[in-house]
């Protein structure tokens, strides 16, 4: 069975790199340690990049 979870985040100006670091450390790494295959990481959309 496969499960795909999509999330949308609102970025605070100038804090994108901080979110990605936090996401990698607190979500991606622990999930991968449990054998979960994480297929994507946060990427800004054109709309959020303008904020």
PDB file of N, CA and C in Angstrom:
ATOM      1  N   UNK A   1       0.845  -1.172   0.000  1.00  0.00           N
ATOM      2  CA  UNK A   1       0.000   0.000   0.000  1.00  0.00           C
ATOM      3  C   UNK A   1       0.891   1.236   0.000  1.00  0.00           C
ATOM      4  N   UNK A   2       0.531   2.205  -0.794  1.00  0.00           N
ATOM      5  CA  UNK A   2       1.256   3.478  -0.848  1.00  0.00           C
ATOM      6  C   UNK A   2       0.340   4.591  -0.375  1.00  0.00           C
ATOM      7  N   UNK A   3       0.916   5.525   0.345  1.00  0.00           N
ATOM      8  CA  UNK A   3       0.189   6.704   0.792  1.00  0.00           C
ATOM      9  C   UNK A   3       0.985   7.917   0.346  1.00  0.00           C
ATOM     10  N   UNK A   4       0.319   8.868  -0.253  1.00  0.00           N
ATOM     11  CA  UNK A   4       0.955  10.105  -0.672  1.00  0.00           C
ATOM     12  C   UNK A   4       0.297  11.239   0.092  1.00  0.00           C
ATOM     13  N   UNK A   5       1.097  12.001   0.801  1.00  0.00           N
ATOM     14  CA  UNK A   5       0.576  13.112   1.600  1.00  0.00           C
ATOM     15  C   UNK A   5       1.122  14.411   1.026  1.00  0.00           C
ATOM     16  N   UNK A   6       0.230  15.334   0.731  1.00  0.00           N
ATOM     17  CA  UNK A   6       0.616  16.643   0.220  1.00  0.00           C
ATOM     18  C   UNK A   6       0.341  17.688   1.287  1.00  0.00           C
ATOM     19  N   UNK A   7       1.276  18.605   1.444  1.00  0.00           N
ATOM     20  CA  UNK A   7       1.100  19.678   2.419  1.00  0.00           C
ATOM     21  C   UNK A   7       1.416  21.009   1.758  1.00  0.00           C
ATOM     22  N   UNK A   8       0.820  22.049   2.289  1.00  0.00           N
ATOM     23  CA  UNK A   8       1.089  23.405   1.811  1.00  0.00           C
ATOM     24  C   UNK A   8       1.424  24.258   3.021  1.00  0.00           C
ATOM     25  N   UNK A   9       2.503  24.993   2.923  1.00  0.00           N
ATOM     26  CA  UNK A   9       2.959  25.835   4.021  1.00  0.00           C
ATOM     27  C   UNK A   9       3.003  27.290   3.566  1.00  0.00           C
ATOM     28  N   UNK A  10       2.744  28.195   4.496  1.00  0.00           N
ATOM     29  CA  UNK A  10       2.902  29.622   4.240  1.00  0.00           C
ATOM     30  C   UNK A  10       4.253  30.034   4.812  1.00  0.00           C
ATOM     31  N   UNK A  11       5.085  30.596   3.959  1.00  0.00           N
ATOM     32  CA  UNK A  11       6.419  30.996   4.392  1.00  0.00           C
ATOM     33  C   UNK A  11       6.423  32.422   4.900  1.00  0.00           C
ATOM     34  N   UNK A  12       7.204  32.652   5.930  1.00  0.00           N
ATOM     35  CA  UNK A  12       7.431  34.014   6.407  1.00  0.00           C
ATOM     36  C   UNK A  12       8.592  34.584   5.601  1.00  0.00           C
ATOM     37  N   UNK A  13       8.520  35.848   5.239  1.00  0.00           N
ATOM     38  CA  UNK A  13       9.576  36.439   4.421  1.00  0.00           C
ATOM     39  C   UNK A  13      10.973  36.198   5.021  1.00  0.00           C
ATOM     40  N   UNK A  14      11.877  35.731   4.175  1.00  0.00           N
ATOM     41  CA  UNK A  14      13.260  35.537   4.580  1.00  0.00           C
ATOM     42  C   UNK A  14      13.538  34.302   5.421  1.00  0.00           C
ATOM     43  N   UNK A  15      12.536  33.421   5.619  1.00  0.00           N
ATOM     44  CA  UNK A  15      12.733  32.280   6.515  1.00  0.00           C
ATOM     45  C   UNK A  15      12.612  30.928   5.802  1.00  0.00           C
ATOM     46  N   UNK A  16      12.683  30.916   4.466  1.00  0.00           N
ATOM     47  CA  UNK A  16      12.551  29.673   3.689  1.00  0.00           C
ATOM     48  C   UNK A  16      13.613  28.655   4.073  1.00  0.00           C
ATOM     49  N   UNK A  17      14.864  29.074   4.121  1.00  0.00           N
ATOM     50  CA  UNK A  17      15.946  28.144   4.445  1.00  0.00           C
ATOM     51  C   UNK A  17      15.779  27.550   5.841  1.00  0.00           C
ATOM     52  N   UNK A  18      15.282  28.361   6.769  1.00  0.00           N
ATOM     53  CA  UNK A  18      15.035  27.883   8.135  1.00  0.00           C
ATOM     54  C   UNK A  18      13.957  26.792   8.134  1.00  0.00           C
ATOM     55  N   UNK A  19      12.900  26.991   7.351  1.00  0.00           N
ATOM     56  CA  UNK A  19      11.833  25.985   7.260  1.00  0.00           C
ATOM     57  C   UNK A  19      12.371  24.684   6.673  1.00  0.00           C
ATOM     58  N   UNK A  20      13.157  24.779   5.615  1.00  0.00           N
ATOM     59  CA  UNK A  20      13.681  23.580   4.970  1.00  0.00           C
ATOM     60  C   UNK A  20      14.602  22.819   5.919  1.00  0.00           C
ATOM     61  N   UNK A  21      15.462  23.528   6.651  1.00  0.00           N
ATOM     62  CA  UNK A  21      16.343  22.882   7.622  1.00  0.00           C
ATOM     63  C   UNK A  21      15.528  22.180   8.704  1.00  0.00           C
ATOM     64  N   UNK A  22      14.528  22.853   9.230  1.00  0.00           N
ATOM     65  CA  UNK A  22      13.659  22.276  10.255  1.00  0.00           C
ATOM     66  C   UNK A  22      12.919  21.057   9.715  1.00  0.00           C
ATOM     67  N   UNK A  23      12.374  21.176   8.514  1.00  0.00           N
ATOM     68  CA  UNK A  23      11.631  20.087   7.895  1.00  0.00           C
ATOM     69  C   UNK A  23      12.515  18.861   7.706  1.00  0.00           C
ATOM     70  N   UNK A  24      13.730  19.072   7.195  1.00  0.00           N
ATOM     71  CA  UNK A  24      14.672  17.963   6.994  1.00  0.00           C
ATOM     72  C   UNK A  24      14.991  17.276   8.314  1.00  0.00           C
ATOM     73  N   UNK A  25      15.288  18.068   9.331  1.00  0.00           N
ATOM     74  CA  UNK A  25      15.715  17.523  10.622  1.00  0.00           C
ATOM     75  C   UNK A  25      14.577  16.835  11.378  1.00  0.00           C
ATOM     76  N   UNK A  26      13.426  17.465  11.413  1.00  0.00           N
ATOM     77  CA  UNK A  26      12.336  16.985  12.264  1.00  0.00           C
ATOM     78  C   UNK A  26      11.357  16.051  11.552  1.00  0.00           C
ATOM     79  N   UNK A  27      11.369  16.033  10.224  1.00  0.00           N
ATOM     80  CA  UNK A  27      10.416  15.191   9.516  1.00  0.00           C
ATOM     81  C   UNK A  27      11.097  14.171   8.603  1.00  0.00           C
ATOM     82  N   UNK A  28      11.890  14.652   7.672  1.00  0.00           N
ATOM     83  CA  UNK A  28      12.457  13.756   6.661  1.00  0.00           C
ATOM     84  C   UNK A  28      13.390  12.729   7.287  1.00  0.00           C
ATOM     85  N   UNK A  29      14.373  13.169   8.044  1.00  0.00           N
ATOM     86  CA  UNK A  29      15.351  12.233   8.614  1.00  0.00           C
ATOM     87  C   UNK A  29      14.702  11.172   9.496  1.00  0.00           C
ATOM     88  N   UNK A  30      13.832  11.550  10.454  1.00  0.00           N
ATOM     89  CA  UNK A  30      13.191  10.517  11.280  1.00  0.00           C
ATOM     90  C   UNK A  30      12.318   9.549  10.477  1.00  0.00           C
ATOM     91  N   UNK A  31      11.620  10.057   9.464  1.00  0.00           N
ATOM     92  CA  UNK A  31      10.781   9.182   8.636  1.00  0.00           C
ATOM     93  C   UNK A  31      11.649   8.187   7.868  1.00  0.00           C
ATOM     94  N   UNK A  32      12.754   8.663   7.300  1.00  0.00           N
ATOM     95  CA  UNK A  32      13.637   7.773   6.556  1.00  0.00           C
ATOM     96  C   UNK A  32      14.267   6.718   7.468  1.00  0.00           C
ATOM     97  N   UNK A  33      14.561   7.099   8.719  1.00  0.00           N
ATOM     98  CA  UNK A  33      15.108   6.131   9.677  1.00  0.00           C
ATOM     99  C   UNK A  33      14.123   4.991   9.946  1.00  0.00           C
ATOM    100  N   UNK A  34      12.832   5.282   9.789  1.00  0.00           N
ATOM    101  CA  UNK A  34      11.796   4.263   9.996  1.00  0.00           C
ATOM    102  C   UNK A  34      11.467   3.497   8.719  1.00  0.00           C
ATOM    103  N   UNK A  35      12.163   3.819   7.630  1.00  0.00           N
ATOM    104  CA  UNK A  35      11.942   3.113   6.375  1.00  0.00           C
ATOM    105  C   UNK A  35      10.938   3.759   5.441  1.00  0.00           C
ATOM    106  N   UNK A  36      10.467   4.946   5.783  1.00  0.00           N
ATOM    107  CA  UNK A  36       9.519   5.657   4.928  1.00  0.00           C
ATOM    108  C   UNK A  36      10.293   6.309   3.783  1.00  0.00           C
ATOM    109  N   UNK A  37       9.773   6.216   2.595  1.00  0.00           N
ATOM    110  CA  UNK A  37      10.401   6.861   1.440  1.00  0.00           C
ATOM    111  C   UNK A  37       9.776   8.235   1.254  1.00  0.00           C
ATOM    112  N   UNK A  38      10.543   9.272   1.507  1.00  0.00           N
ATOM    113  CA  UNK A  38      10.071  10.649   1.337  1.00  0.00           C
ATOM    114  C   UNK A  38      10.414  11.065  -0.088  1.00  0.00           C
ATOM    115  N   UNK A  39       9.389  11.406  -0.882  1.00  0.00           N
ATOM    116  CA  UNK A  39       9.610  11.667  -2.301  1.00  0.00           C
ATOM    117  C   UNK A  39       9.754  13.142  -2.645  1.00  0.00           C
ATOM    118  N   UNK A  40       9.579  14.036  -1.699  1.00  0.00           N
ATOM    119  CA  UNK A  40       9.718  15.455  -1.998  1.00  0.00           C
ATOM    120  C   UNK A  40       9.970  16.252  -0.737  1.00  0.00           C
ATOM    121  N   UNK A  41      10.549  17.402  -0.915  1.00  0.00           N
ATOM    122  CA  UNK A  41      10.786  18.316   0.197  1.00  0.00           C
ATOM    123  C   UNK A  41      10.206  19.670  -0.177  1.00  0.00           C
ATOM    124  N   UNK A  42      10.087  20.588   0.783  1.00  0.00           N
ATOM    125  CA  UNK A  42       9.445  21.875   0.488  1.00  0.00           C
ATOM    126  C   UNK A  42      10.131  22.633  -0.643  1.00  0.00           C
ATOM    127  N   UNK A  43       9.342  23.099  -1.564  1.00  0.00           N
ATOM    128  CA  UNK A  43       9.805  23.968  -2.644  1.00  0.00           C
ATOM    129  C   UNK A  43       8.799  25.101  -2.764  1.00  0.00           C
ATOM    130  N   UNK A  44       9.274  26.330  -2.894  1.00  0.00           N
ATOM    131  CA  UNK A  44       8.317  27.449  -2.995  1.00  0.00           C
ATOM    132  C   UNK A  44       7.610  27.443  -4.341  1.00  0.00           C
ATOM    133  N   UNK A  45       6.362  27.854  -4.325  1.00  0.00           N
ATOM    134  CA  UNK A  45       5.648  28.054  -5.586  1.00  0.00           C
ATOM    135  C   UNK A  45       5.937  29.475  -6.048  1.00  0.00           C
ATOM    136  N   UNK A  46       5.625  29.773  -7.272  1.00  0.00           N
ATOM    137  CA  UNK A  46       5.854  31.123  -7.789  1.00  0.00           C
ATOM    138  C   UNK A  46       5.114  32.145  -6.946  1.00  0.00           C
ATOM    139  N   UNK A  47       3.896  31.804  -6.508  1.00  0.00           N
ATOM    140  CA  UNK A  47       3.093  32.711  -5.708  1.00  0.00           C
ATOM    141  C   UNK A  47       3.723  32.978  -4.348  1.00  0.00           C
ATOM    142  N   UNK A  48       4.194  31.916  -3.661  1.00  0.00           N
ATOM    143  CA  UNK A  48       4.766  32.103  -2.327  1.00  0.00           C
ATOM    144  C   UNK A  48       6.128  32.787  -2.404  1.00  0.00           C
ATOM    145  N   UNK A  49       6.847  32.617  -3.504  1.00  0.00           N
ATOM    146  CA  UNK A  49       8.151  33.248  -3.648  1.00  0.00           C
ATOM    147  C   UNK A  49       8.033  34.764  -3.756  1.00  0.00           C
ATOM    148  N   UNK A  50       6.860  35.252  -4.152  1.00  0.00           N
ATOM    149  CA  UNK A  50       6.651  36.682  -4.305  1.00  0.00           C
ATOM    150  C   UNK A  50       6.306  37.369  -3.004  1.00  0.00           C
ATOM    151  N   UNK A  51       5.959  36.632  -1.978  1.00  0.00           N
ATOM    152  CA  UNK A  51       5.535  37.232  -0.708  1.00  0.00           C
ATOM    153  C   UNK A  51       6.700  37.754   0.078  1.00  0.00           C
TER     154      UNK A  51
END
